[in-house]
N, C-alpha and C. Protein backbone atom coordinates (compact mmCIF):
# COMPACT_ATOMS: atom_id res chain seq x y z
N MET A 1 -4.10 -12.49 5.61
CA MET A 1 -4.64 -11.21 6.01
C MET A 1 -3.53 -10.16 5.97
N ILE A 2 -3.93 -8.95 5.67
CA ILE A 2 -3.02 -7.82 5.65
C ILE A 2 -3.23 -7.01 6.93
N HIS A 3 -2.16 -6.65 7.60
CA HIS A 3 -2.21 -5.88 8.84
C HIS A 3 -1.31 -4.66 8.75
N ASP A 4 -1.63 -3.65 9.54
CA ASP A 4 -0.80 -2.44 9.69
C ASP A 4 -0.68 -1.65 8.39
N TYR A 5 -1.68 -1.72 7.53
CA TYR A 5 -1.65 -1.04 6.23
C TYR A 5 -2.19 0.36 6.43
N ASP A 6 -1.32 1.36 6.46
CA ASP A 6 -1.70 2.72 6.75
C ASP A 6 -0.90 3.69 5.87
N PRO A 7 -1.26 3.83 4.59
CA PRO A 7 -0.46 4.68 3.69
C PRO A 7 -0.43 6.14 4.11
N VAL A 8 0.74 6.74 3.95
CA VAL A 8 0.96 8.16 4.23
C VAL A 8 1.38 8.82 2.93
N VAL A 9 0.78 9.98 2.64
CA VAL A 9 1.07 10.71 1.41
C VAL A 9 2.11 11.78 1.69
N ALA A 10 3.19 11.78 0.91
CA ALA A 10 4.24 12.79 1.03
C ALA A 10 5.10 12.79 -0.23
N ASP A 11 5.50 13.94 -0.69
CA ASP A 11 6.44 14.07 -1.80
C ASP A 11 6.00 13.29 -3.06
N GLY A 12 4.71 13.32 -3.37
CA GLY A 12 4.23 12.68 -4.60
C GLY A 12 4.09 11.17 -4.52
N THR A 13 4.21 10.59 -3.31
CA THR A 13 4.04 9.14 -3.16
C THR A 13 3.16 8.84 -1.97
N CYS A 14 2.63 7.63 -1.96
CA CYS A 14 1.95 7.05 -0.80
C CYS A 14 2.84 5.89 -0.36
N ARG A 15 3.16 5.84 0.92
CA ARG A 15 4.07 4.79 1.43
C ARG A 15 3.50 4.17 2.69
N THR A 16 3.79 2.88 2.88
CA THR A 16 3.45 2.24 4.12
C THR A 16 4.25 0.94 4.29
N LEU A 17 4.45 0.57 5.52
CA LEU A 17 4.93 -0.77 5.86
C LEU A 17 3.69 -1.57 6.20
N PHE A 18 3.72 -2.88 5.96
CA PHE A 18 2.60 -3.72 6.32
C PHE A 18 3.05 -5.15 6.52
N ARG A 19 2.18 -5.93 7.16
CA ARG A 19 2.46 -7.35 7.35
C ARG A 19 1.40 -8.17 6.63
N ALA A 20 1.85 -9.23 5.97
CA ALA A 20 0.94 -10.21 5.39
C ALA A 20 1.07 -11.47 6.27
N ILE A 21 -0.06 -11.97 6.78
CA ILE A 21 -0.02 -13.11 7.69
C ILE A 21 -0.84 -14.25 7.12
N GLU A 22 -0.19 -15.39 6.94
CA GLU A 22 -0.86 -16.58 6.44
C GLU A 22 -1.71 -17.22 7.52
N PRO A 23 -2.69 -18.05 7.17
CA PRO A 23 -3.51 -18.71 8.18
C PRO A 23 -2.70 -19.56 9.17
N ASN A 24 -1.53 -20.06 8.75
CA ASN A 24 -0.69 -20.87 9.66
C ASN A 24 0.15 -20.02 10.60
N GLY A 25 0.04 -18.66 10.47
CA GLY A 25 0.76 -17.76 11.36
C GLY A 25 2.07 -17.22 10.79
N THR A 26 2.49 -17.68 9.63
CA THR A 26 3.70 -17.14 8.99
C THR A 26 3.50 -15.66 8.67
N VAL A 27 4.47 -14.85 9.06
CA VAL A 27 4.38 -13.40 8.88
C VAL A 27 5.42 -12.93 7.86
N TYR A 28 5.00 -12.10 6.91
CA TYR A 28 5.87 -11.48 5.94
C TYR A 28 5.80 -9.98 6.11
N ARG A 29 6.94 -9.34 6.36
CA ARG A 29 7.01 -7.88 6.50
C ARG A 29 7.38 -7.26 5.18
N ASN A 30 6.63 -6.25 4.76
CA ASN A 30 6.81 -5.65 3.46
C ASN A 30 6.69 -4.12 3.52
N SER A 31 7.11 -3.48 2.45
CA SER A 31 6.86 -2.07 2.26
C SER A 31 6.27 -1.89 0.87
N ILE A 32 5.52 -0.81 0.71
CA ILE A 32 4.95 -0.52 -0.61
C ILE A 32 4.99 0.98 -0.85
N VAL A 33 5.24 1.35 -2.11
CA VAL A 33 5.25 2.74 -2.54
C VAL A 33 4.35 2.85 -3.75
N PHE A 34 3.41 3.80 -3.68
CA PHE A 34 2.50 4.09 -4.78
C PHE A 34 2.81 5.47 -5.34
N ASP A 35 2.41 5.74 -6.59
CA ASP A 35 2.35 7.09 -7.10
C ASP A 35 1.13 7.75 -6.47
N ALA A 36 1.25 8.98 -6.01
CA ALA A 36 0.12 9.73 -5.45
C ALA A 36 -0.40 10.70 -6.48
N VAL A 37 -1.67 10.56 -6.87
CA VAL A 37 -2.26 11.38 -7.92
C VAL A 37 -3.46 12.13 -7.32
N ALA A 38 -3.42 13.46 -7.38
CA ALA A 38 -4.55 14.25 -6.88
C ALA A 38 -5.75 14.06 -7.81
N THR A 39 -6.92 13.72 -7.22
CA THR A 39 -8.13 13.50 -8.02
C THR A 39 -9.36 13.58 -7.13
N GLN A 40 -10.43 14.11 -7.66
CA GLN A 40 -11.74 14.17 -6.99
C GLN A 40 -11.63 14.67 -5.55
N GLY A 41 -10.80 15.67 -5.28
CA GLY A 41 -10.68 16.23 -3.96
C GLY A 41 -9.88 15.40 -2.98
N GLY A 42 -9.21 14.35 -3.47
CA GLY A 42 -8.43 13.49 -2.61
C GLY A 42 -7.16 13.07 -3.32
N VAL A 43 -6.63 11.93 -2.91
CA VAL A 43 -5.41 11.38 -3.49
C VAL A 43 -5.64 9.93 -3.85
N LEU A 44 -5.32 9.57 -5.09
CA LEU A 44 -5.37 8.18 -5.52
C LEU A 44 -3.95 7.62 -5.47
N CYS A 45 -3.76 6.58 -4.69
CA CYS A 45 -2.48 5.89 -4.61
C CYS A 45 -2.54 4.72 -5.60
N THR A 46 -1.73 4.78 -6.64
CA THR A 46 -1.82 3.81 -7.74
C THR A 46 -0.40 3.40 -8.19
N ASN A 47 -0.32 2.39 -9.04
CA ASN A 47 0.98 1.91 -9.56
C ASN A 47 1.89 1.46 -8.42
N GLY A 48 1.35 0.62 -7.53
CA GLY A 48 2.10 0.19 -6.36
C GLY A 48 3.25 -0.75 -6.65
N LYS A 49 4.34 -0.51 -5.97
CA LYS A 49 5.54 -1.39 -6.06
C LYS A 49 5.89 -1.81 -4.63
N TRP A 50 5.86 -3.11 -4.36
CA TRP A 50 6.13 -3.60 -3.01
C TRP A 50 7.46 -4.33 -2.98
N ARG A 51 7.99 -4.47 -1.78
CA ARG A 51 9.20 -5.28 -1.60
C ARG A 51 9.17 -5.87 -0.19
N SER A 52 9.77 -7.03 -0.08
CA SER A 52 9.89 -7.70 1.21
C SER A 52 10.99 -7.02 2.02
N LEU A 53 10.80 -6.91 3.31
CA LEU A 53 11.84 -6.35 4.17
C LEU A 53 12.79 -7.43 4.65
N GLU A 54 12.50 -8.71 4.36
CA GLU A 54 13.28 -9.82 4.87
C GLU A 54 13.98 -10.64 3.78
N SER A 55 13.67 -10.35 2.53
CA SER A 55 14.30 -11.10 1.43
C SER A 55 14.37 -10.21 0.19
N ASP A 56 14.67 -10.81 -0.93
CA ASP A 56 14.79 -10.02 -2.15
C ASP A 56 13.50 -10.07 -2.98
N ALA A 57 12.39 -10.51 -2.41
CA ALA A 57 11.12 -10.55 -3.13
C ALA A 57 10.60 -9.14 -3.38
N ALA A 58 10.03 -8.94 -4.56
CA ALA A 58 9.48 -7.63 -4.91
C ALA A 58 8.49 -7.83 -6.06
N GLY A 59 7.64 -6.84 -6.27
CA GLY A 59 6.70 -6.93 -7.37
C GLY A 59 5.83 -5.69 -7.46
N THR A 60 4.79 -5.79 -8.26
CA THR A 60 3.82 -4.72 -8.43
C THR A 60 2.46 -5.23 -8.01
N THR A 61 1.51 -4.31 -7.84
CA THR A 61 0.15 -4.71 -7.45
C THR A 61 -0.89 -3.83 -8.16
N PRO A 62 -2.02 -4.42 -8.51
CA PRO A 62 -3.12 -3.61 -9.08
C PRO A 62 -3.90 -2.89 -8.00
N PHE A 63 -3.63 -3.18 -6.73
CA PHE A 63 -4.35 -2.57 -5.62
C PHE A 63 -4.16 -1.07 -5.63
N ARG A 64 -5.24 -0.33 -5.39
CA ARG A 64 -5.19 1.13 -5.34
C ARG A 64 -5.89 1.58 -4.07
N VAL A 65 -5.50 2.73 -3.56
CA VAL A 65 -6.10 3.30 -2.37
C VAL A 65 -6.48 4.74 -2.67
N PHE A 66 -7.73 5.10 -2.34
CA PHE A 66 -8.18 6.48 -2.48
C PHE A 66 -8.28 7.04 -1.07
N ILE A 67 -7.65 8.21 -0.86
CA ILE A 67 -7.65 8.88 0.46
C ILE A 67 -8.27 10.23 0.32
N LYS A 68 -9.32 10.49 1.14
CA LYS A 68 -9.96 11.79 1.14
C LYS A 68 -10.47 12.07 2.55
N ASP A 69 -10.11 13.22 3.10
CA ASP A 69 -10.54 13.63 4.43
C ASP A 69 -10.20 12.57 5.49
N GLY A 70 -9.03 11.94 5.32
CA GLY A 70 -8.56 10.96 6.29
C GLY A 70 -9.19 9.58 6.15
N ILE A 71 -10.10 9.42 5.22
CA ILE A 71 -10.76 8.12 5.00
C ILE A 71 -10.07 7.41 3.84
N ARG A 72 -9.74 6.13 4.04
CA ARG A 72 -9.04 5.33 3.00
C ARG A 72 -9.99 4.26 2.47
N ARG A 73 -10.04 4.15 1.17
CA ARG A 73 -10.81 3.11 0.51
C ARG A 73 -9.93 2.41 -0.49
N GLY A 74 -9.91 1.08 -0.45
CA GLY A 74 -9.05 0.31 -1.32
C GLY A 74 -9.83 -0.43 -2.38
N SER A 75 -9.19 -0.70 -3.52
CA SER A 75 -9.79 -1.45 -4.61
C SER A 75 -8.73 -2.16 -5.40
N ALA A 76 -8.99 -3.38 -5.77
CA ALA A 76 -8.06 -4.14 -6.62
C ALA A 76 -8.32 -3.90 -8.09
N ASP A 77 -9.32 -3.14 -8.43
CA ASP A 77 -9.67 -2.88 -9.84
C ASP A 77 -8.89 -1.74 -10.41
């Protein structure tokens, strides 16, 4: 499960810290930065790049977030 996922838009990016928690309780602390693209009266957070805060793990994600009027909707497509 993903917890504390609350992207903030500033300076052309969407950023957030978040936790990924496995069913056995193992917690991974991470950060992610997306490109912020103005579209359809909101902001599309796309091209995400994440990194672990506790190790050298890093990668990209197809996950995208659309933010409009304070409402966030996510999609892996």
